[in-house]
Amino acid sequence: MCMEKKFKFFCDCHCHSQWSFDGCEPVEDMCKQAIDNGIDVLTVTDHCEVNGWNTPEDSEFGDFSYL
């Protein structure tokens, strides 16, 4: 029996934005780059900061998810 994968998605589970000492990109730019590269979910894991948590606007990127 062939099983169809209905819930396949790609996720980058560890990246840092401009708010982390070892990142340089704004969260909005990171989301755009992720979408352009086929990533469905982006998890921002900045060090000692939560400043990027409320950007970008939810409606800006449609079904794309960021955590």
C-alpha atoms as a PDB file:
ATOM      1  CA  MET A   1       0.000   0.000   0.000  1.00  0.00           C
ATOM      2  CA  CYS A   2       1.398   3.377  -0.998  1.00  0.00           C
ATOM      3  CA  MET A   3       1.116   6.092   1.661  1.00  0.00           C
ATOM      4  CA  GLU A   4       0.813   9.641   0.395  1.00  0.00           C
ATOM      5  CA  LYS A   5       2.633  12.257   2.461  1.00  0.00           C
ATOM      6  CA  LYS A   6      -0.003  14.914   3.046  1.00  0.00           C
ATOM      7  CA  PHE A   7       1.730  16.881   5.778  1.00  0.00           C
ATOM      8  CA  LYS A   8       5.214  17.354   4.400  1.00  0.00           C
ATOM      9  CA  PHE A   9       6.799  20.668   5.273  1.00  0.00           C
ATOM     10  CA  PHE A  10      10.280  22.103   5.639  1.00  0.00           C
ATOM     11  CA  CYS A  11      11.389  23.852   8.806  1.00  0.00           C
ATOM     12  CA  ASP A  12      14.564  25.685   9.797  1.00  0.00           C
ATOM     13  CA  CYS A  13      14.580  25.073  13.544  1.00  0.00           C
ATOM     14  CA  HIS A  14      17.527  27.251  14.516  1.00  0.00           C
ATOM     15  CA  CYS A  15      18.423  30.690  13.168  1.00  0.00           C
ATOM     16  CA  HIS A  16      19.408  34.061  14.619  1.00  0.00           C
ATOM     17  CA  SER A  17      18.176  37.518  13.628  1.00  0.00           C
ATOM     18  CA  GLN A  18      19.695  40.980  13.986  1.00  0.00           C
ATOM     19  CA  TRP A  19      18.651  40.911  17.648  1.00  0.00           C
ATOM     20  CA  SER A  20      21.186  38.193  18.476  1.00  0.00           C
ATOM     21  CA  PHE A  21      24.913  38.904  18.750  1.00  0.00           C
ATOM     22  CA  ASP A  22      25.652  36.342  16.036  1.00  0.00           C
ATOM     23  CA  GLY A  23      22.898  37.279  13.560  1.00  0.00           C
ATOM     24  CA  CYS A  24      22.580  40.193  11.152  1.00  0.00           C
ATOM     25  CA  GLU A  25      19.271  39.975   9.225  1.00  0.00           C
ATOM     26  CA  PRO A  26      15.929  41.515  10.216  1.00  0.00           C
ATOM     27  CA  VAL A  27      13.209  38.913  10.882  1.00  0.00           C
ATOM     28  CA  GLU A  28      11.187  40.163   7.899  1.00  0.00           C
ATOM     29  CA  ASP A  29      14.113  39.542   5.533  1.00  0.00           C
ATOM     30  CA  MET A  30      14.721  36.109   7.036  1.00  0.00           C
ATOM     31  CA  CYS A  31      11.078  35.171   6.404  1.00  0.00           C
ATOM     32  CA  LYS A  32      11.232  36.365   2.801  1.00  0.00           C
ATOM     33  CA  GLN A  33      14.434  34.377   2.200  1.00  0.00           C
ATOM     34  CA  ALA A  34      12.927  31.282   3.807  1.00  0.00           C
ATOM     35  CA  ILE A  35       9.839  31.480   1.577  1.00  0.00           C
ATOM     36  CA  ASP A  36      12.016  31.982  -1.519  1.00  0.00           C
ATOM     37  CA  ASN A  37      13.950  28.823  -0.581  1.00  0.00           C
ATOM     38  CA  GLY A  38      10.935  26.595   0.086  1.00  0.00           C
ATOM     39  CA  ILE A  39      11.011  26.776   3.883  1.00  0.00           C
ATOM     40  CA  ASP A  40       7.514  26.608   5.449  1.00  0.00           C
ATOM     41  CA  VAL A  41       8.394  27.285   9.096  1.00  0.00           C
ATOM     42  CA  LEU A  42      11.191  29.398  10.555  1.00  0.00           C
ATOM     43  CA  THR A  43      12.198  29.206  14.212  1.00  0.00           C
ATOM     44  CA  VAL A  44      14.108  32.275  15.419  1.00  0.00           C
ATOM     45  CA  THR A  45      16.355  31.333  18.347  1.00  0.00           C
ATOM     46  CA  ASP A  46      18.072  34.583  19.293  1.00  0.00           C
ATOM     47  CA  HIS A  47      20.401  34.666  22.281  1.00  0.00           C
ATOM     48  CA  CYS A  48      19.120  36.562  25.357  1.00  0.00           C
ATOM     49  CA  GLU A  49      16.603  38.575  23.295  1.00  0.00           C
ATOM     50  CA  VAL A  50      12.919  38.450  22.425  1.00  0.00           C
ATOM     51  CA  ASN A  51      12.742  41.701  20.448  1.00  0.00           C
ATOM     52  CA  GLY A  52      11.923  39.964  17.163  1.00  0.00           C
ATOM     53  CA  TRP A  53       9.007  37.922  18.492  1.00  0.00           C
ATOM     54  CA  ASN A  54       6.235  40.210  17.285  1.00  0.00           C
ATOM     55  CA  THR A  55       7.504  40.825  13.754  1.00  0.00           C
ATOM     56  CA  PRO A  56       6.516  40.445  10.976  1.00  0.00           C
ATOM     57  CA  GLU A  57       2.767  40.973  10.765  1.00  0.00           C
ATOM     58  CA  ASP A  58       0.946  37.644  10.556  1.00  0.00           C
ATOM     59  CA  SER A  59      -0.918  38.609   7.386  1.00  0.00           C
ATOM     60  CA  GLU A  60       2.241  39.681   5.573  1.00  0.00           C
ATOM     61  CA  PHE A  61       3.409  36.161   4.683  1.00  0.00           C
ATOM     62  CA  GLY A  62       0.183  34.167   4.272  1.00  0.00           C
ATOM     63  CA  ASP A  63       0.519  30.525   5.376  1.00  0.00           C
ATOM     64  CA  PHE A  64       4.191  30.859   6.301  1.00  0.00           C
ATOM     65  CA  SER A  65       4.886  30.312  10.027  1.00  0.00           C
ATOM     66  CA  TYR A  66       7.592  31.754  12.222  1.00  0.00           C
ATOM     67  CA  LEU A  67       8.261  30.937  15.859  1.00  0.00           C
END
